[in-house]
Amino acid sequence: MPKMKSNSGAKKRFKVTGSGKVKRKKAFKRHILTKKSSKTKRQLGQSTLVADADVARVKELIPNKF
C-alpha cells in the first residue's frame, strides 16, 4: 500500500500542539489594514485553535503530524 500523502497547503497552515490540538493563524490581516483598529490588528496577529467541528477534517489533511 502506498504512503499517505499530506496536503502541502495544510502542512504550511496548521501546527499541532503538544496536547494534540490544532493551531492556526487568523484571517484578515493581509491588506486593507488602515480601516482596522490597532486592537483588531493586534488580536489578528495571535494564533488560535481550530474549531472542534473542523479538527477531524484537518487531521485527514495532515495525517503524518499526529
Protein backbone atom coordinates (compact mmCIF):
# COMPACT_ATOMS: atom_id res chain seq x y z
CA MET A 1 0.00 0.00 0.00
CA PRO A 2 1.45 3.43 -0.87
CA LYS A 3 2.26 6.00 1.75
CA MET A 4 -0.38 8.54 2.79
CA LYS A 5 0.41 11.97 1.38
CA SER A 6 -0.14 15.06 3.47
CA ASN A 7 -1.81 18.06 1.87
CA SER A 8 1.03 20.51 1.19
CA GLY A 9 -1.11 23.59 1.75
CA ALA A 10 -2.41 22.27 5.07
CA LYS A 11 1.12 21.39 6.23
CA LYS A 12 2.04 25.06 5.96
CA ARG A 13 -1.11 26.39 7.61
CA PHE A 14 -1.58 24.18 10.65
CA LYS A 15 0.62 23.14 13.57
CA VAL A 16 -0.11 20.54 16.23
CA THR A 17 0.37 21.49 19.88
CA GLY A 18 1.91 19.20 22.46
CA SER A 19 -1.51 18.17 23.72
CA GLY A 20 -2.67 17.28 20.20
CA LYS A 21 -4.80 20.33 19.46
CA VAL A 22 -4.53 22.04 16.07
CA LYS A 23 -3.29 25.62 15.87
CA ARG A 24 -3.96 28.09 13.06
CA LYS A 25 -3.40 31.73 12.15
CA LYS A 26 -6.26 34.21 11.94
CA ALA A 27 -7.51 35.63 8.64
CA PHE A 28 -7.97 39.27 7.55
CA LYS A 29 -4.51 40.63 8.39
CA ARG A 30 -3.00 40.83 4.89
CA HIS A 31 -4.22 44.14 3.46
CA ILE A 32 -6.75 46.96 3.96
CA LEU A 33 -5.38 47.48 7.45
CA THR A 34 -5.90 51.25 7.60
CA LYS A 35 -9.57 50.98 8.50
CA LYS A 36 -8.97 48.36 11.19
CA SER A 37 -8.26 49.47 14.73
CA SER A 38 -4.95 48.77 16.45
CA LYS A 39 -6.71 46.43 18.84
CA THR A 40 -8.18 44.41 15.97
CA LYS A 41 -4.84 44.16 14.17
CA ARG A 42 -3.09 43.11 17.37
CA GLN A 43 -5.63 40.39 18.05
CA LEU A 44 -5.48 39.12 14.46
CA GLY A 45 -1.73 38.61 14.88
CA GLN A 46 -2.25 35.97 17.56
CA SER A 47 -2.77 32.34 16.67
CA THR A 48 -5.84 30.40 17.77
CA LEU A 49 -7.11 26.84 17.82
CA VAL A 50 -9.10 25.18 15.07
CA ALA A 51 -12.77 24.74 15.99
CA ASP A 52 -13.76 21.30 17.30
CA ALA A 53 -16.06 20.77 14.32
CA ASP A 54 -13.14 21.16 11.88
CA VAL A 55 -10.39 19.25 13.69
CA ALA A 56 -11.24 15.90 12.10
CA ARG A 57 -11.08 17.42 8.62
CA VAL A 58 -7.67 18.95 9.29
CA LYS A 59 -6.35 15.69 10.73
CA GLU A 60 -7.24 13.95 7.47
CA LEU A 61 -5.19 16.53 5.57
CA ILE A 62 -2.07 16.18 7.74
CA PRO A 63 -2.05 12.57 9.00
CA ASN A 64 1.73 12.45 9.50
CA LYS A 65 1.73 15.21 12.14
CA PHE A 66 -0.27 13.21 14.71
